[in-house]
Amino acid sequence: MRASQIAAVVSKACFFALICAAVGGCSTVTYTPKTAVRTGTVRPSTVKQMETLHMDRAAPILIRIYKEESTLEVWKQDRDGRFALLSSYPICKFSGNLGPKLMQGDHQAPEGFYDIAPDQMNPNSSEYLAFNTGFPNAFDRSLGRTGSFLMVHGGCRSVGCYAMTDYAMEEIYGLVEEAFKGGQEKVQLQAFPFRMTAQNLASHAGDPNMPFWEMLKAGSDAFLATERPPRIAVCDRRYVFNPAVADDLNPSAPCPIGIDST
């Protein structure tokens, strides 16, 4: 086989491998890696903002995402134990439309309540820096939703992920990393179709996702009312927020008496 024929075969093989990988999840695990970036960096202006808001640098954080507004927010705990908005970042790109991810290959970015643990951080991502959203969670699995490698990452291109600019991702990653170093075990990520106001829900009246979005609004309201991340559980294939019981619930079984899942 001539050199030109070999090159053609290799090129086709690489192309099909890339397509198959992209169908399964986010681009962060499929493209040729850039130079590995080992850590994020929190900018001095953000550290100054922490001081203004009476936040310790190592205090816990929470992440909120709004698709329609293309915005990612980082909230941080202040010295009174309440969470306040620290910084907002424009989302460079997310794939799909408003609505949850349902199945592998639908190219939808997920919506819902997720946990980011230290082992979900990827400093060697091919998309600059990345962390896994944790999709599918217990709620997703109870409904048979499938998918993998759904990330928040740099690189500004997306196949089912939330893609940031490298500049923004460097600080977001740094903020998550510093919270882990400060002792936070998991960072809650709340991903919404839009800001969960009554007006925004009304503007999407008739959308088949409305029952799901009304459930997400209940979780958003629980956070805003207490200024603390709600405890998330799943029963009857629904999210429940700050349930009165401490035990784990069965995501597919009816909710125990006294727990409202509506």
C-alpha atoms as a PDB file:
ATOM      1  CA  MET A   1       0.000   0.000   0.000  1.00  0.00           C
ATOM      2  CA  ARG A   2       1.402   3.373  -1.016  1.00  0.00           C
ATOM      3  CA  ALA A   3       2.051   6.097   1.548  1.00  0.00           C
ATOM      4  CA  SER A   4      -0.814   8.204   0.182  1.00  0.00           C
ATOM      5  CA  GLN A   5      -3.261   5.295   0.585  1.00  0.00           C
ATOM      6  CA  ILE A   6      -2.101   4.649   4.161  1.00  0.00           C
ATOM      7  CA  ALA A   7      -2.590   8.310   5.030  1.00  0.00           C
ATOM      8  CA  ALA A   8      -6.109   8.234   3.613  1.00  0.00           C
ATOM      9  CA  VAL A   9      -7.042   5.154   5.654  1.00  0.00           C
ATOM     10  CA  VAL A  10      -5.652   6.676   8.860  1.00  0.00           C
ATOM     11  CA  SER A  11      -7.490   9.931   8.221  1.00  0.00           C
ATOM     12  CA  LYS A  12     -10.833   8.149   7.744  1.00  0.00           C
ATOM     13  CA  ALA A  13     -10.299   6.065  10.883  1.00  0.00           C
ATOM     14  CA  CYS A  14      -9.586   9.146  12.969  1.00  0.00           C
ATOM     15  CA  PHE A  15     -12.649  10.896  11.568  1.00  0.00           C
ATOM     16  CA  PHE A  16     -15.030   8.064  12.423  1.00  0.00           C
ATOM     17  CA  ALA A  17     -13.490   7.613  15.881  1.00  0.00           C
ATOM     18  CA  LEU A  18     -14.050  11.291  16.591  1.00  0.00           C
ATOM     19  CA  ILE A  19     -17.691  11.126  15.465  1.00  0.00           C
ATOM     20  CA  CYS A  20     -18.424   8.035  17.563  1.00  0.00           C
ATOM     21  CA  ALA A  21     -16.860   9.567  20.673  1.00  0.00           C
ATOM     22  CA  ALA A  22     -18.705  12.851  20.247  1.00  0.00           C
ATOM     23  CA  VAL A  23     -22.070  11.067  20.105  1.00  0.00           C
ATOM     24  CA  GLY A  24     -21.454   9.660  23.582  1.00  0.00           C
ATOM     25  CA  GLY A  25     -20.647  12.829  25.453  1.00  0.00           C
ATOM     26  CA  CYS A  26     -18.771  16.070  25.563  1.00  0.00           C
ATOM     27  CA  SER A  27     -15.917  17.166  23.356  1.00  0.00           C
ATOM     28  CA  THR A  28     -13.653  17.492  26.371  1.00  0.00           C
ATOM     29  CA  VAL A  29     -12.530  13.863  26.104  1.00  0.00           C
ATOM     30  CA  THR A  30     -12.295  13.455  22.347  1.00  0.00           C
ATOM     31  CA  TYR A  31     -10.165  16.125  20.709  1.00  0.00           C
ATOM     32  CA  THR A  32      -6.408  16.331  20.480  1.00  0.00           C
ATOM     33  CA  PRO A  33      -5.171  17.681  23.816  1.00  0.00           C
ATOM     34  CA  LYS A  34      -3.743  21.145  24.153  1.00  0.00           C
ATOM     35  CA  THR A  35      -0.860  21.785  26.506  1.00  0.00           C
ATOM     36  CA  ALA A  36      -2.091  20.516  29.889  1.00  0.00           C
ATOM     37  CA  VAL A  37      -3.033  23.184  32.379  1.00  0.00           C
ATOM     38  CA  ARG A  38      -2.594  21.880  35.911  1.00  0.00           C
ATOM     39  CA  THR A  39      -4.514  24.417  37.945  1.00  0.00           C
ATOM     40  CA  GLY A  40      -6.873  27.355  37.757  1.00  0.00           C
ATOM     41  CA  THR A  41      -6.106  30.886  38.905  1.00  0.00           C
ATOM     42  CA  VAL A  42      -8.355  33.181  40.920  1.00  0.00           C
ATOM     43  CA  ARG A  43      -7.763  36.765  39.850  1.00  0.00           C
ATOM     44  CA  PRO A  44      -6.832  39.529  42.340  1.00  0.00           C
ATOM     45  CA  SER A  45     -10.010  41.467  41.533  1.00  0.00           C
ATOM     46  CA  THR A  46     -12.099  38.452  42.575  1.00  0.00           C
ATOM     47  CA  VAL A  47     -10.128  38.045  45.806  1.00  0.00           C
ATOM     48  CA  LYS A  48     -10.792  41.720  46.537  1.00  0.00           C
ATOM     49  CA  GLN A  49     -14.496  41.138  45.899  1.00  0.00           C
ATOM     50  CA  MET A  50     -14.414  38.310  48.460  1.00  0.00           C
ATOM     51  CA  GLU A  51     -13.003  40.721  51.019  1.00  0.00           C
ATOM     52  CA  THR A  52     -15.710  43.274  50.222  1.00  0.00           C
ATOM     53  CA  LEU A  53     -18.409  40.622  50.674  1.00  0.00           C
ATOM     54  CA  HIS A  54     -16.829  39.303  53.924  1.00  0.00           C
ATOM     55  CA  MET A  55     -15.966  35.919  52.452  1.00  0.00           C
ATOM     56  CA  ASP A  56     -13.011  33.772  53.396  1.00  0.00           C
ATOM     57  CA  ARG A  57     -11.037  32.693  50.365  1.00  0.00           C
ATOM     58  CA  ALA A  58     -11.369  28.979  51.227  1.00  0.00           C
ATOM     59  CA  ALA A  59     -15.121  29.171  51.966  1.00  0.00           C
ATOM     60  CA  PRO A  60     -17.583  26.858  50.145  1.00  0.00           C
ATOM     61  CA  ILE A  61     -19.092  27.804  46.790  1.00  0.00           C
ATOM     62  CA  LEU A  62     -22.141  26.961  44.688  1.00  0.00           C
ATOM     63  CA  ILE A  63     -22.566  27.189  40.909  1.00  0.00           C
ATOM     64  CA  ARG A  64     -25.723  28.287  39.097  1.00  0.00           C
ATOM     65  CA  ILE A  65     -26.174  28.025  35.308  1.00  0.00           C
ATOM     66  CA  TYR A  66     -28.846  29.697  33.161  1.00  0.00           C
ATOM     67  CA  LYS A  67     -29.086  28.554  29.549  1.00  0.00           C
ATOM     68  CA  GLU A  68     -31.304  31.282  28.109  1.00  0.00           C
ATOM     69  CA  GLU A  69     -29.179  34.023  29.673  1.00  0.00           C
ATOM     70  CA  SER A  70     -25.945  32.148  28.791  1.00  0.00           C
ATOM     71  CA  THR A  71     -24.635  32.840  32.280  1.00  0.00           C
ATOM     72  CA  LEU A  72     -22.708  30.855  34.893  1.00  0.00           C
ATOM     73  CA  GLU A  73     -22.679  32.260  38.413  1.00  0.00           C
ATOM     74  CA  VAL A  74     -20.378  31.403  41.303  1.00  0.00           C
ATOM     75  CA  TRP A  75     -21.910  31.987  44.731  1.00  0.00           C
ATOM     76  CA  LYS A  76     -19.774  31.830  47.864  1.00  0.00           C
ATOM     77  CA  GLN A  77     -20.452  31.486  51.573  1.00  0.00           C
ATOM     78  CA  ASP A  78     -19.844  34.592  53.652  1.00  0.00           C
ATOM     79  CA  ARG A  79     -18.798  34.724  57.305  1.00  0.00           C
ATOM     80  CA  ASP A  80     -22.441  34.601  58.406  1.00  0.00           C
ATOM     81  CA  GLY A  81     -22.868  31.256  56.668  1.00  0.00           C
ATOM     82  CA  ARG A  82     -25.029  32.587  53.847  1.00  0.00           C
ATOM     83  CA  PHE A  83     -24.242  32.380  50.155  1.00  0.00           C
ATOM     84  CA  ALA A  84     -23.978  35.517  48.025  1.00  0.00           C
ATOM     85  CA  LEU A  85     -23.172  36.052  44.379  1.00  0.00           C
ATOM     86  CA  LEU A  86     -19.421  36.415  43.894  1.00  0.00           C
ATOM     87  CA  SER A  87     -18.933  36.446  40.111  1.00  0.00           C
ATOM     88  CA  SER A  88     -20.826  35.905  36.856  1.00  0.00           C
ATOM     89  CA  TYR A  89     -19.319  34.550  33.631  1.00  0.00           C
ATOM     90  CA  PRO A  90     -20.775  34.420  30.116  1.00  0.00           C
ATOM     91  CA  ILE A  91     -21.255  30.907  28.769  1.00  0.00           C
ATOM     92  CA  CYS A  92     -19.478  30.812  25.448  1.00  0.00           C
ATOM     93  CA  LYS A  93     -21.535  27.919  24.057  1.00  0.00           C
ATOM     94  CA  PHE A  94     -23.907  25.175  25.125  1.00  0.00           C
ATOM     95  CA  SER A  95     -25.358  22.589  22.792  1.00  0.00           C
ATOM     96  CA  GLY A  96     -28.997  21.716  22.307  1.00  0.00           C
ATOM     97  CA  ASN A  97     -32.041  23.707  23.367  1.00  0.00           C
ATOM     98  CA  LEU A  98     -33.876  24.607  26.546  1.00  0.00           C
ATOM     99  CA  GLY A  99     -34.870  21.411  28.294  1.00  0.00           C
ATOM    100  CA  PRO A 100     -33.208  18.476  30.068  1.00  0.00           C
ATOM    101  CA  LYS A 101     -30.832  15.912  28.637  1.00  0.00           C
ATOM    102  CA  LEU A 102     -32.764  12.716  27.948  1.00  0.00           C
ATOM    103  CA  MET A 103     -30.445  10.291  26.218  1.00  0.00           C
ATOM    104  CA  GLN A 104     -26.911   9.755  25.083  1.00  0.00           C
ATOM    105  CA  GLY A 105     -26.359  11.376  21.720  1.00  0.00           C
ATOM    106  CA  ASP A 106     -29.112  14.021  21.943  1.00  0.00           C
ATOM    107  CA  HIS A 107     -26.435  16.731  22.387  1.00  0.00           C
ATOM    108  CA  GLN A 108     -28.462  18.380  25.145  1.00  0.00           C
ATOM    109  CA  ALA A 109     -26.711  20.127  28.023  1.00  0.00           C
ATOM    110  CA  PRO A 110     -28.223  18.871  31.298  1.00  0.00           C
ATOM    111  CA  GLU A 111     -30.610  20.721  33.594  1.00  0.00           C
ATOM    112  CA  GLY A 112     -31.113  19.860  37.248  1.00  0.00           C
ATOM    113  CA  PHE A 113     -29.231  19.622  40.544  1.00  0.00           C
ATOM    114  CA  TYR A 114     -25.801  18.000  40.528  1.00  0.00           C
ATOM    115  CA  ASP A 115     -22.793  17.513  42.790  1.00  0.00           C
ATOM    116  CA  ILE A 116     -19.180  18.102  41.775  1.00  0.00           C
ATOM    117  CA  ALA A 117     -16.640  16.086  43.771  1.00  0.00           C
ATOM    118  CA  PRO A 118     -12.848  16.410  43.652  1.00  0.00           C
ATOM    119  CA  ASP A 119     -12.486  13.306  41.482  1.00  0.00           C
ATOM    120  CA  GLN A 120     -14.635  14.991  38.806  1.00  0.00           C
ATOM    121  CA  MET A 121     -12.000  17.675  38.224  1.00  0.00           C
ATOM    122  CA  ASN A 122      -9.882  17.308  35.085  1.00  0.00           C
ATOM    123  CA  PRO A 123      -6.822  19.585  34.912  1.00  0.00           C
ATOM    124  CA  ASN A 124      -5.568  17.706  31.848  1.00  0.00           C
ATOM    125  CA  SER A 125      -8.708  18.203  29.760  1.00  0.00           C
ATOM    126  CA  SER A 126      -8.301  18.595  26.017  1.00  0.00           C
ATOM    127  CA  GLU A 127     -10.566  21.631  26.450  1.00  0.00           C
ATOM    128  CA  TYR A 128      -8.156  23.583  28.682  1.00  0.00           C
ATOM    129  CA  LEU A 129      -9.732  22.728  32.060  1.00  0.00           C
ATOM    130  CA  ALA A 130     -12.903  20.816  32.914  1.00  0.00           C
ATOM    131  CA  PHE A 131     -15.064  19.295  35.589  1.00  0.00           C
ATOM    132  CA  ASN A 132     -17.801  16.713  35.190  1.00  0.00           C
ATOM    133  CA  THR A 133     -21.322  17.910  36.063  1.00  0.00           C
ATOM    134  CA  GLY A 134     -22.237  14.515  37.525  1.00  0.00           C
ATOM    135  CA  PHE A 135     -24.912  13.683  34.956  1.00  0.00           C
ATOM    136  CA  PRO A 136     -26.762  11.353  35.231  1.00  0.00           C
ATOM    137  CA  ASN A 137     -27.719  11.844  38.882  1.00  0.00           C
ATOM    138  CA  ALA A 138     -30.247   9.775  40.863  1.00  0.00           C
ATOM    139  CA  PHE A 139     -33.166  11.715  39.388  1.00  0.00           C
ATOM    140  CA  ASP A 140     -31.937  11.218  35.817  1.00  0.00           C
ATOM    141  CA  ARG A 141     -31.304   7.524  36.372  1.00  0.00           C
ATOM    142  CA  SER A 142     -34.770   7.017  37.850  1.00  0.00           C
ATOM    143  CA  LEU A 143     -36.191   8.197  34.521  1.00  0.00           C
ATOM    144  CA  GLY A 144     -33.792   6.121  32.429  1.00  0.00           C
ATOM    145  CA  ARG A 145     -31.887   9.147  31.138  1.00  0.00           C
ATOM    146  CA  THR A 146     -28.475   8.322  29.719  1.00  0.00           C
ATOM    147  CA  GLY A 147     -25.279  10.140  28.827  1.00  0.00           C
ATOM    148  CA  SER A 148     -21.710  10.579  30.003  1.00  0.00           C
ATOM    149  CA  PHE A 149     -18.858  13.077  30.128  1.00  0.00           C
ATOM    150  CA  LEU A 150     -21.155  16.093  30.434  1.00  0.00           C
ATOM    151  CA  MET A 151     -18.748  18.836  31.452  1.00  0.00           C
ATOM    152  CA  VAL A 152     -18.216  22.464  32.214  1.00  0.00           C
ATOM    153  CA  HIS A 153     -15.009  23.245  30.325  1.00  0.00           C
ATOM    154  CA  GLY A 154     -13.013  25.785  28.376  1.00  0.00           C
ATOM    155  CA  GLY A 155     -12.484  25.752  24.647  1.00  0.00           C
ATOM    156  CA  CYS A 156     -15.731  27.439  23.575  1.00  0.00           C
ATOM    157  CA  ARG A 157     -17.135  24.396  21.714  1.00  0.00           C
ATOM    158  CA  SER A 158     -19.700  21.947  22.998  1.00  0.00           C
ATOM    159  CA  VAL A 159     -21.275  18.551  22.377  1.00  0.00           C
ATOM    160  CA  GLY A 160     -23.672  18.376  25.305  1.00  0.00           C
ATOM    161  CA  CYS A 161     -21.565  20.506  27.654  1.00  0.00           C
ATOM    162  CA  TYR A 162     -21.329  24.038  28.990  1.00  0.00           C
ATOM    163  CA  ALA A 163     -18.328  25.592  27.257  1.00  0.00           C
ATOM    164  CA  MET A 164     -16.618  28.672  28.633  1.00  0.00           C
ATOM    165  CA  THR A 165     -13.792  30.778  27.290  1.00  0.00           C
ATOM    166  CA  ASP A 166     -10.408  29.594  28.546  1.00  0.00           C
ATOM    167  CA  TYR A 167     -10.054  32.890  30.441  1.00  0.00           C
ATOM    168  CA  ALA A 168     -13.313  32.387  32.333  1.00  0.00           C
ATOM    169  CA  MET A 169     -12.736  28.674  32.892  1.00  0.00           C
ATOM    170  CA  GLU A 170      -9.345  29.300  34.452  1.00  0.00           C
ATOM    171  CA  GLU A 171     -10.941  31.284  37.281  1.00  0.00           C
ATOM    172  CA  ILE A 172     -14.035  29.077  37.674  1.00  0.00           C
ATOM    173  CA  TYR A 173     -11.799  26.028  37.972  1.00  0.00           C
ATOM    174  CA  GLY A 174      -9.600  27.866  40.454  1.00  0.00           C
ATOM    175  CA  LEU A 175     -12.579  28.817  42.620  1.00  0.00           C
ATOM    176  CA  VAL A 176     -13.809  25.214  42.734  1.00  0.00           C
ATOM    177  CA  GLU A 177     -10.316  23.944  43.462  1.00  0.00           C
ATOM    178  CA  GLU A 178      -9.785  26.405  46.323  1.00  0.00           C
ATOM    179  CA  ALA A 179     -13.138  25.451  47.874  1.00  0.00           C
ATOM    180  CA  PHE A 180     -12.106  21.790  47.853  1.00  0.00           C
ATOM    181  CA  LYS A 181      -8.769  22.665  49.435  1.00  0.00           C
ATOM    182  CA  GLY A 182     -10.693  24.575  52.088  1.00  0.00           C
ATOM    183  CA  GLY A 183     -12.604  21.432  53.047  1.00  0.00           C
ATOM    184  CA  GLN A 184     -15.753  21.497  50.906  1.00  0.00           C
ATOM    185  CA  GLU A 185     -16.567  17.907  49.968  1.00  0.00           C
ATOM    186  CA  LYS A 186     -18.992  18.588  47.101  1.00  0.00           C
ATOM    187  CA  VAL A 187     -19.942  21.682  45.131  1.00  0.00           C
ATOM    188  CA  GLN A 188     -23.617  21.899  44.225  1.00  0.00           C
ATOM    189  CA  LEU A 189     -24.310  22.788  40.598  1.00  0.00           C
ATOM    190  CA  GLN A 190     -27.781  24.070  39.740  1.00  0.00           C
ATOM    191  CA  ALA A 191     -28.459  24.108  35.989  1.00  0.00           C
ATOM    192  CA  PHE A 192     -31.611  25.906  34.846  1.00  0.00           C
ATOM    193  CA  PRO A 193     -33.190  26.662  31.458  1.00  0.00           C
ATOM    194  CA  PHE A 194     -33.508  30.331  32.494  1.00  0.00           C
ATOM    195  CA  ARG A 195     -33.754  32.392  35.653  1.00  0.00           C
ATOM    196  CA  MET A 196     -36.554  30.692  37.552  1.00  0.00           C
ATOM    197  CA  THR A 197     -38.977  33.578  37.926  1.00  0.00           C
ATOM    198  CA  ALA A 198     -42.755  33.373  37.599  1.00  0.00           C
ATOM    199  CA  GLN A 199     -42.528  35.726  34.636  1.00  0.00           C
ATOM    200  CA  ASN A 200     -40.057  33.503  32.779  1.00  0.00           C
ATOM    201  CA  LEU A 201     -42.156  30.424  33.444  1.00  0.00           C
ATOM    202  CA  ALA A 202     -45.221  32.230  32.132  1.00  0.00           C
ATOM    203  CA  SER A 203     -43.350  33.226  28.973  1.00  0.00           C
ATOM    204  CA  HIS A 204     -42.752  29.523  28.267  1.00  0.00           C
ATOM    205  CA  ALA A 205     -46.323  28.415  29.037  1.00  0.00           C
ATOM    206  CA  GLY A 206     -47.294  25.402  26.977  1.00  0.00           C
ATOM    207  CA  ASP A 207     -43.780  23.989  26.769  1.00  0.00           C
ATOM    208  CA  PRO A 208     -43.863  20.224  27.457  1.00  0.00           C
ATOM    209  CA  ASN A 209     -41.001  20.680  29.930  1.00  0.00           C
ATOM    210  CA  MET A 210     -43.108  22.915  32.185  1.00  0.00           C
ATOM    211  CA  PRO A 211     -43.756  20.326  34.972  1.00  0.00           C
ATOM    212  CA  PHE A 212     -40.004  19.660  35.145  1.00  0.00           C
ATOM    213  CA  TRP A 213     -39.182  23.357  35.177  1.00  0.00           C
ATOM    214  CA  GLU A 214     -41.727  24.052  37.928  1.00  0.00           C
ATOM    215  CA  MET A 215     -39.910  21.421  39.990  1.00  0.00           C
ATOM    216  CA  LEU A 216     -36.582  23.139  39.316  1.00  0.00           C
ATOM    217  CA  LYS A 217     -38.125  26.447  40.383  1.00  0.00           C
ATOM    218  CA  ALA A 218     -39.017  24.916  43.751  1.00  0.00           C
ATOM    219  CA  GLY A 219     -35.344  24.088  44.275  1.00  0.00           C
ATOM    220  CA  SER A 220     -34.230  27.508  43.106  1.00  0.00           C
ATOM    221  CA  ASP A 221     -36.715  29.163  45.476  1.00  0.00           C
ATOM    222  CA  ALA A 222     -35.492  26.986  48.362  1.00  0.00           C
ATOM    223  CA  PHE A 223     -31.955  28.268  47.807  1.00  0.00           C
ATOM    224  CA  LEU A 224     -32.933  31.914  47.480  1.00  0.00           C
ATOM    225  CA  ALA A 225     -35.194  31.766  50.569  1.00  0.00           C
ATOM    226  CA  THR A 226     -32.477  30.439  52.885  1.00  0.00           C
ATOM    227  CA  GLU A 227     -29.353  31.652  51.035  1.00  0.00           C
ATOM    228  CA  ARG A 228     -27.941  28.177  51.577  1.00  0.00           C
ATOM    229  CA  PRO A 229     -27.731  25.209  49.181  1.00  0.00           C
ATOM    230  CA  PRO A 230     -30.803  23.006  49.634  1.00  0.00           C
ATOM    231  CA  ARG A 231     -30.370  19.360  50.513  1.00  0.00           C
ATOM    232  CA  ILE A 232     -31.404  17.400  47.445  1.00  0.00           C
ATOM    233  CA  ALA A 233     -33.160  14.028  47.478  1.00  0.00           C
ATOM    234  CA  VAL A 234     -35.181  12.049  44.960  1.00  0.00           C
ATOM    235  CA  CYS A 235     -38.293   9.952  45.473  1.00  0.00           C
ATOM    236  CA  ASP A 236     -41.236   9.082  43.239  1.00  0.00           C
ATOM    237  CA  ARG A 237     -38.927  10.086  40.335  1.00  0.00           C
ATOM    238  CA  ARG A 238     -39.011  13.691  41.507  1.00  0.00           C
ATOM    239  CA  TYR A 239     -36.653  16.065  43.242  1.00  0.00           C
ATOM    240  CA  VAL A 240     -37.467  16.923  46.839  1.00  0.00           C
ATOM    241  CA  PHE A 241     -35.725  19.752  48.656  1.00  0.00           C
ATOM    242  CA  ASN A 242     -34.664  19.800  52.300  1.00  0.00           C
ATOM    243  CA  PRO A 243     -36.663  16.661  53.172  1.00  0.00           C
ATOM    244  CA  ALA A 244     -37.527  16.187  56.827  1.00  0.00           C
ATOM    245  CA  VAL A 245     -35.877  12.756  56.931  1.00  0.00           C
ATOM    246  CA  ALA A 246     -32.123  12.290  56.946  1.00  0.00           C
ATOM    247  CA  ASP A 247     -32.110   8.814  55.400  1.00  0.00           C
ATOM    248  CA  ASP A 248     -31.496   8.280  51.699  1.00  0.00           C
ATOM    249  CA  LEU A 249     -34.707   7.940  49.709  1.00  0.00           C
ATOM    250  CA  ASN A 250     -35.487   5.461  46.956  1.00  0.00           C
ATOM    251  CA  PRO A 251     -35.619   7.524  43.749  1.00  0.00           C
ATOM    252  CA  SER A 252     -38.137   5.202  42.093  1.00  0.00           C
ATOM    253  CA  ALA A 253     -40.356   4.455  45.114  1.00  0.00           C
ATOM    254  CA  PRO A 254     -43.212   6.593  46.423  1.00  0.00           C
ATOM    255  CA  CYS A 255     -42.111   9.354  48.762  1.00  0.00           C
ATOM    256  CA  PRO A 256     -42.480   8.578  52.476  1.00  0.00           C
ATOM    257  CA  ILE A 257     -45.462  10.013  54.307  1.00  0.00           C
ATOM    258  CA  GLY A 258     -44.862  13.635  55.197  1.00  0.00           C
ATOM    259  CA  ILE A 259     -42.565  14.371  52.249  1.00  0.00           C
ATOM    260  CA  ASP A 260     -44.165  16.512  49.581  1.00  0.00           C
ATOM    261  CA  SER A 261     -42.780  15.733  46.127  1.00  0.00           C
ATOM    262  CA  THR A 262     -45.200  17.948  44.230  1.00  0.00           C
END
